[in-house]
Amino acid sequence: MRLSAFGTILVRILSVIITIYLAITLIFVLIRVVPGDPVAILLGGEATGEMIETYRHELGFDQPLQIQYVRFWQDLLAGKFGISLMTKRDALQDILTYFPASLELCLVAILGFGFVGGILLGVLSSLRKNKFMDAFSNLFSITSISLPQFFIGLLLQLVFGLTLMWLPITGRVGIDLFPPTKITGLYVLDSILTLNTVALVSSITHLILPAITLGLAPLAQTATVVRGRMIEESMKDYIQQCRACGLPNRLIVFKYMLKNAISPAITMIGISFGWGLGFAFVVETVFAWPGMCRYAAEATVYKDFSPVIATTFVMIIVYITINLILDLIRSYLDPRIRYGV
């Protein structure tokens, strides 16, 4: 049975609410059942028992778990994510400070390098089926998916950073430069808006290696999907009819075949974006990238649950927003999705 437009929207809203609730509840439970006292870890080995108990009482950690859970949701619904034990600042403010770095990295790596590069590689591979380009594309895809990110990152640092000295290996901008004037928090965009050419060049060069490391797997997956769908579309009757009518091959490939083959790639890139935003802590750690994921990973070590909860909440919102935008794009490209066929 097909749902009406209102019913479809209502179902999506309910699924989003349930997803947010379950994800945050799971994080809340996991952090509190992991062995170790976050207050003792934070204060260090020289802290006395009285200091630890006093700090635990101030944070409410001495209350029963169910009371902590109820208070936690009360604060969360009021927009309060708590104070970070590491920075002594509001966790949400910390996340908003580190978030632009992670967003910029994921946009360049997943949507830029992974999606656009994957489409180009998939199209080229399909047009040269069973030839050298196709074999190279398949080998490249298998290798990119198989190698772990930290190994790829370290290898790129060793070759292009330490040996050839072509590219920087850490940070978002050169240590001898001031960051561009903050407008969006995205260094590349802010450099363009403020006409800061020096910061723009430095920001781009610092982005290259971490973006390649994070975007290789999505690029390989997108290329594989696009290649398969392009080959499938090339054997359909309407394509044969276009060729029989003498239409230029470039027009057939990019106006008809690619438009129909790109829909599953858009779905995959939405999943990849959520995956990249959630697991970018490996890349951010290797390249000392001051992003949200690295901040959350450090907070997890100290059992600092407020930043972890805030990070989870922001990730879910961004993931849902990106997928909603991609769904609208898919509906525009494929009328069957628009009309529920």
Protein backbone atom coordinates (compact mmCIF):
# COMPACT_ATOMS: atom_id res chain seq x y z
CA MET A 1 0.00 0.00 0.00
CA ARG A 2 1.38 3.37 -1.01
CA LEU A 3 1.50 6.18 1.52
CA SER A 4 0.37 9.72 0.78
CA ALA A 5 2.96 12.48 0.67
CA PHE A 6 1.98 13.56 4.21
CA GLY A 7 2.14 9.96 5.43
CA THR A 8 5.59 9.49 3.92
CA ILE A 9 6.88 12.65 5.58
CA LEU A 10 5.35 11.60 8.91
CA VAL A 11 6.97 8.17 8.74
CA ARG A 12 10.37 9.73 8.00
CA ILE A 13 10.03 12.16 10.90
CA LEU A 14 9.09 9.35 13.29
CA SER A 15 11.98 7.20 12.08
CA VAL A 16 14.37 10.11 12.61
CA ILE A 17 13.11 10.67 16.17
CA ILE A 18 13.41 6.97 17.00
CA THR A 19 16.91 6.80 15.49
CA ILE A 20 18.11 9.78 17.51
CA TYR A 21 16.59 8.39 20.70
CA LEU A 22 18.08 4.91 20.31
CA ALA A 23 21.51 6.15 19.24
CA ILE A 24 21.90 8.60 22.12
CA THR A 25 20.49 6.12 24.66
CA LEU A 26 22.93 3.47 23.47
CA ILE A 27 25.87 5.85 23.82
CA PHE A 28 24.67 6.87 27.31
CA VAL A 29 24.51 3.25 28.48
CA LEU A 30 27.78 2.14 26.88
CA ILE A 31 29.80 4.97 28.38
CA ARG A 32 28.51 4.27 31.87
CA VAL A 33 28.96 0.49 31.82
CA VAL A 34 32.57 0.67 30.61
CA PRO A 35 34.91 -0.06 33.57
CA GLY A 36 36.69 2.91 35.10
CA ASP A 37 35.78 6.17 36.79
CA PRO A 38 35.88 9.17 34.41
CA VAL A 39 36.41 11.59 37.29
CA ALA A 40 39.39 9.61 38.62
CA ILE A 41 40.86 9.39 35.11
CA LEU A 42 40.47 13.12 34.61
CA LEU A 43 41.87 14.21 37.99
CA GLY A 44 44.85 11.85 37.72
CA GLY A 45 46.57 9.54 40.17
CA GLU A 46 47.38 12.30 42.68
CA ALA A 47 43.71 13.07 43.40
CA THR A 48 42.45 12.07 46.84
CA GLY A 49 39.29 10.08 47.43
CA GLU A 50 37.60 13.15 48.90
CA MET A 51 38.37 15.22 45.79
CA ILE A 52 37.01 12.50 43.53
CA GLU A 53 33.78 12.12 45.53
CA THR A 54 33.25 15.89 45.65
CA TYR A 55 33.64 16.21 41.89
CA ARG A 56 31.42 13.19 41.28
CA HIS A 57 28.69 14.78 43.40
CA GLU A 58 28.95 18.08 41.50
CA LEU A 59 28.51 16.25 38.19
CA GLY A 60 25.74 13.98 39.50
CA PHE A 61 27.71 10.78 38.89
CA ASP A 62 26.90 9.51 42.40
CA GLN A 63 23.19 9.24 41.55
CA PRO A 64 21.53 5.97 40.45
CA LEU A 65 21.74 5.28 36.72
CA GLN A 66 18.02 5.78 36.12
CA ILE A 67 18.08 9.20 37.78
CA GLN A 68 21.12 10.17 35.70
CA TYR A 69 19.25 9.03 32.60
CA VAL A 70 16.14 11.12 33.38
CA ARG A 71 18.21 14.20 34.19
CA PHE A 72 20.28 13.65 31.10
CA TRP A 73 17.21 13.75 28.84
CA GLN A 74 15.82 16.75 30.69
CA ASP A 75 19.03 18.65 30.01
CA LEU A 76 19.18 17.39 26.43
CA LEU A 77 15.64 18.53 25.62
CA ALA A 78 16.54 21.91 27.10
CA GLY A 79 19.53 22.14 24.75
CA LYS A 80 22.11 21.41 27.45
CA PHE A 81 24.68 18.74 26.59
CA GLY A 82 26.69 19.22 29.76
CA ILE A 83 30.20 20.38 30.54
CA SER A 84 33.19 18.61 29.03
CA LEU A 85 35.48 17.11 31.66
CA MET A 86 38.50 17.73 29.42
CA THR A 87 38.01 21.36 28.43
CA LYS A 88 35.71 22.55 31.26
CA ARG A 89 33.55 24.18 28.57
CA ASP A 90 30.06 23.50 27.27
CA ALA A 91 30.27 20.36 25.13
CA LEU A 92 28.03 21.73 22.40
CA GLN A 93 30.17 24.86 22.06
CA ASP A 94 33.25 22.66 21.73
CA ILE A 95 31.53 20.60 19.03
CA LEU A 96 30.52 23.72 17.11
CA THR A 97 34.15 24.85 17.29
CA TYR A 98 35.58 21.60 15.93
CA PHE A 99 32.70 20.69 13.58
CA PRO A 100 33.64 22.93 10.59
CA ALA A 101 37.01 21.17 10.24
CA SER A 102 35.35 17.73 10.03
CA LEU A 103 32.64 19.01 7.69
CA GLU A 104 35.17 20.57 5.34
CA LEU A 105 37.22 17.38 5.25
CA CYS A 106 34.17 15.18 4.54
CA LEU A 107 32.78 17.51 1.88
CA VAL A 108 36.06 17.52 -0.04
CA ALA A 109 36.87 13.84 0.53
CA ILE A 110 33.44 12.21 0.07
CA LEU A 111 31.40 14.54 -2.13
CA GLY A 112 34.30 16.02 -4.06
CA PHE A 113 37.00 13.38 -4.41
CA GLY A 114 34.91 10.28 -3.75
CA PHE A 115 31.69 11.09 -5.62
CA VAL A 116 32.92 13.13 -8.59
CA GLY A 117 36.09 11.08 -8.97
CA GLY A 118 34.16 7.82 -8.64
CA ILE A 119 31.69 8.82 -11.34
CA LEU A 120 34.46 9.78 -13.77
CA LEU A 121 36.38 6.57 -13.08
CA GLY A 122 33.24 4.45 -13.39
CA VAL A 123 32.25 6.04 -16.70
CA LEU A 124 35.73 5.67 -18.17
CA SER A 125 35.89 2.05 -17.00
CA SER A 126 32.50 1.20 -18.55
CA LEU A 127 33.42 2.79 -21.87
CA ARG A 128 36.59 0.67 -21.98
CA LYS A 129 35.14 -2.60 -20.75
CA ASN A 130 37.65 -5.48 -20.54
CA LYS A 131 40.51 -3.19 -21.57
CA PHE A 132 43.47 -1.81 -19.65
CA MET A 133 41.52 1.10 -18.12
CA ASP A 134 38.83 -1.27 -16.88
CA ALA A 135 41.36 -3.68 -15.38
CA PHE A 136 43.22 -0.81 -13.71
CA SER A 137 39.97 0.56 -12.29
CA ASN A 138 38.99 -2.82 -10.82
CA LEU A 139 42.44 -3.33 -9.27
CA PHE A 140 42.45 0.21 -7.89
CA SER A 141 38.98 -0.24 -6.38
CA ILE A 142 39.84 -3.54 -4.69
CA THR A 143 43.08 -2.13 -3.29
CA SER A 144 41.46 1.08 -2.03
CA ILE A 145 38.70 -0.78 -0.20
CA SER A 146 41.04 -3.41 1.26
CA LEU A 147 43.77 -1.19 2.73
CA PRO A 148 43.02 0.35 6.16
CA GLN A 149 42.81 4.13 6.33
CA PHE A 150 45.61 4.59 8.84
CA PHE A 151 48.00 2.66 6.57
CA ILE A 152 47.03 4.75 3.53
CA GLY A 153 47.44 7.95 5.53
CA LEU A 154 50.86 7.00 6.88
CA LEU A 155 52.00 5.89 3.42
CA LEU A 156 50.92 9.20 1.85
CA GLN A 157 52.66 11.12 4.62
CA LEU A 158 55.85 9.14 4.12
CA VAL A 159 55.92 9.52 0.33
CA PHE A 160 54.50 12.99 -0.37
CA GLY A 161 55.22 14.68 2.95
CA LEU A 162 58.52 13.39 4.31
CA THR A 163 60.28 12.02 1.22
CA LEU A 164 59.20 14.30 -1.64
CA MET A 165 58.19 17.20 0.64
CA TRP A 166 55.44 18.22 -1.73
CA LEU A 167 52.58 18.48 0.75
CA PRO A 168 52.15 19.20 4.48
CA ILE A 169 51.18 16.27 6.70
CA THR A 170 49.47 17.89 9.71
CA GLY A 171 47.06 20.68 10.55
CA ARG A 172 44.65 22.79 8.49
CA VAL A 173 46.93 25.70 7.66
CA GLY A 174 50.65 26.47 7.85
CA ILE A 175 52.03 27.09 11.34
CA ASP A 176 53.52 30.38 10.14
CA LEU A 177 50.13 31.66 8.92
CA PHE A 178 47.02 32.97 10.64
CA PRO A 179 43.77 31.17 9.74
CA PRO A 180 41.43 33.12 7.46
CA THR A 181 38.87 35.39 9.08
CA LYS A 182 36.12 33.12 10.39
CA ILE A 183 32.84 33.36 8.50
CA THR A 184 31.74 29.75 8.05
CA GLY A 185 34.63 27.94 9.74
CA LEU A 186 35.51 26.25 6.43
CA TYR A 187 39.01 27.51 5.73
CA VAL A 188 38.85 27.14 1.94
CA LEU A 189 35.52 28.94 1.67
CA ASP A 190 36.51 31.63 4.18
CA SER A 191 39.76 32.24 2.29
CA ILE A 192 37.79 32.76 -0.92
CA LEU A 193 35.24 35.06 0.74
CA THR A 194 37.97 37.19 2.34
CA LEU A 195 40.22 37.12 -0.77
CA ASN A 196 43.05 35.64 1.29
CA THR A 197 45.10 33.93 -1.43
CA VAL A 198 47.91 32.79 0.87
CA ALA A 199 45.52 31.11 3.31
CA LEU A 200 43.59 29.58 0.38
CA VAL A 201 46.68 27.89 -1.06
CA SER A 202 47.78 26.67 2.37
CA SER A 203 44.30 25.35 3.21
CA ILE A 204 44.03 23.43 -0.05
CA THR A 205 47.48 21.87 0.25
CA HIS A 206 46.74 20.79 3.83
CA LEU A 207 43.46 19.20 2.68
CA ILE A 208 44.87 17.07 -0.13
CA LEU A 209 46.40 14.14 1.78
CA PRO A 210 43.66 13.67 4.42
CA ALA A 211 40.96 14.07 1.75
CA ILE A 212 42.55 11.38 -0.43
CA THR A 213 42.89 9.06 2.56
CA LEU A 214 39.26 9.46 3.60
CA GLY A 215 37.84 9.53 0.07
CA LEU A 216 39.58 6.52 -1.51
CA ALA A 217 37.06 3.94 -0.30
CA PRO A 218 33.96 5.97 -1.36
CA LEU A 219 35.63 6.67 -4.71
CA ALA A 220 36.22 2.95 -5.30
CA GLN A 221 32.66 2.02 -4.27
CA THR A 222 31.11 4.73 -6.43
CA ALA A 223 33.24 3.76 -9.43
CA THR A 224 32.20 0.10 -9.08
CA VAL A 225 28.49 0.94 -8.88
CA VAL A 226 28.58 3.44 -11.76
CA ARG A 227 30.54 1.04 -13.96
CA GLY A 228 28.02 -1.75 -13.44
CA ARG A 229 25.00 0.44 -14.04
CA MET A 230 26.55 2.08 -17.12
CA ILE A 231 27.23 -1.32 -18.67
CA GLU A 232 23.67 -2.37 -17.84
CA GLU A 233 22.21 0.79 -19.39
CA SER A 234 24.33 0.41 -22.53
CA MET A 235 22.56 -2.87 -23.36
CA LYS A 236 19.02 -1.51 -23.07
CA ASP A 237 16.81 -0.96 -26.10
CA TYR A 238 16.52 2.81 -25.84
CA ILE A 239 20.31 3.19 -25.99
CA GLN A 240 20.49 0.94 -29.04
CA GLN A 241 17.76 3.05 -30.64
CA CYS A 242 19.69 6.26 -29.90
CA ARG A 243 22.80 4.84 -31.53
CA ALA A 244 20.79 3.63 -34.52
CA CYS A 245 19.45 7.18 -34.97
CA GLY A 246 23.02 8.48 -35.13
CA LEU A 247 23.09 10.49 -31.89
CA PRO A 248 26.60 11.48 -30.75
CA ASN A 249 28.13 9.02 -28.32
CA ARG A 250 28.95 11.81 -25.82
CA LEU A 251 25.29 12.84 -25.75
CA ILE A 252 24.14 9.27 -25.23
CA VAL A 253 26.61 8.63 -22.42
CA PHE A 254 26.19 11.79 -20.37
CA LYS A 255 22.56 12.75 -21.04
CA TYR A 256 20.84 9.36 -21.05
CA MET A 257 23.04 6.58 -19.65
CA LEU A 258 24.71 8.48 -16.81
CA LYS A 259 21.45 10.13 -15.69
CA ASN A 260 19.89 6.71 -15.17
CA ALA A 261 23.03 5.10 -13.75
CA ILE A 262 23.87 7.77 -11.17
CA SER A 263 20.88 7.21 -8.86
CA PRO A 264 22.34 4.26 -6.86
CA ALA A 265 25.67 6.11 -6.65
CA ILE A 266 23.88 9.03 -4.98
CA THR A 267 22.37 6.66 -2.43
CA MET A 268 25.77 5.11 -1.74
CA ILE A 269 27.50 8.45 -1.36
CA GLY A 270 24.93 9.45 1.25
CA ILE A 271 25.79 6.35 3.26
CA SER A 272 29.49 7.00 2.70
CA PHE A 273 29.14 10.55 3.98
CA GLY A 274 27.61 9.34 7.23
CA TRP A 275 30.29 6.68 7.50
CA GLY A 276 33.05 9.17 6.76
CA LEU A 277 31.76 11.69 9.26
CA GLY A 278 31.52 9.01 11.93
CA PHE A 279 34.84 7.27 11.32
CA ALA A 280 36.97 10.23 10.26
CA PHE A 281 38.68 10.10 13.67
CA VAL A 282 41.30 7.75 12.19
CA VAL A 283 42.23 10.25 9.48
CA GLU A 284 41.98 13.21 11.84
CA THR A 285 44.29 11.48 14.31
CA VAL A 286 46.88 10.50 11.69
CA PHE A 287 46.98 14.00 10.19
CA ALA A 288 46.46 15.88 13.49
CA TRP A 289 43.36 17.39 11.95
CA PRO A 290 41.54 19.49 14.61
CA GLY A 291 38.10 18.10 13.91
CA MET A 292 35.04 16.97 15.82
CA CYS A 293 35.73 13.25 15.40
CA ARG A 294 39.20 13.50 16.91
CA TYR A 295 37.78 15.52 19.80
CA ALA A 296 35.10 12.88 20.43
CA ALA A 297 37.66 10.06 20.27
CA GLU A 298 39.79 11.77 22.92
CA ALA A 299 36.69 12.32 25.03
CA THR A 300 35.87 8.61 24.82
CA VAL A 301 39.27 7.71 26.27
CA TYR A 302 38.50 9.86 29.33
CA LYS A 303 34.87 8.60 29.50
CA ASP A 304 33.82 12.19 28.97
CA PHE A 305 30.29 11.40 27.81
CA SER A 306 29.00 14.96 27.21
CA PRO A 307 31.15 15.55 24.07
CA VAL A 308 30.35 12.04 22.82
CA ILE A 309 26.60 12.64 23.15
CA ALA A 310 26.88 16.07 21.51
CA THR A 311 28.97 14.62 18.68
CA THR A 312 26.46 11.80 18.12
CA PHE A 313 23.58 14.27 18.00
CA VAL A 314 25.34 16.53 15.48
CA MET A 315 26.36 13.55 13.31
CA ILE A 316 22.79 12.27 13.16
CA ILE A 317 21.42 15.69 12.20
CA VAL A 318 24.05 16.16 9.47
CA TYR A 319 23.57 12.62 8.16
CA ILE A 320 19.80 13.04 7.95
CA THR A 321 20.13 16.43 6.25
CA ILE A 322 22.60 15.14 3.65
CA ASN A 323 20.42 12.13 2.85
CA LEU A 324 17.32 14.32 2.55
CA ILE A 325 19.13 16.54 0.04
CA LEU A 326 20.34 13.50 -1.89
CA ASP A 327 16.80 12.04 -1.91
CA LEU A 328 15.52 15.26 -3.48
CA ILE A 329 18.28 15.07 -6.10
CA ARG A 330 17.40 11.43 -6.86
CA SER A 331 13.72 12.36 -7.16
CA TYR A 332 14.64 15.07 -9.66
CA LEU A 333 16.82 12.74 -11.73
CA ASP A 334 14.45 9.74 -11.60
CA PRO A 335 10.71 10.51 -11.95
CA ARG A 336 9.88 6.94 -10.81
CA ILE A 337 11.12 7.83 -7.33
CA ARG A 338 9.23 11.12 -7.39
CA TYR A 339 5.92 9.42 -8.11
CA GLY A 340 6.51 6.43 -5.86
CA VAL A 341 6.85 3.84 -8.63
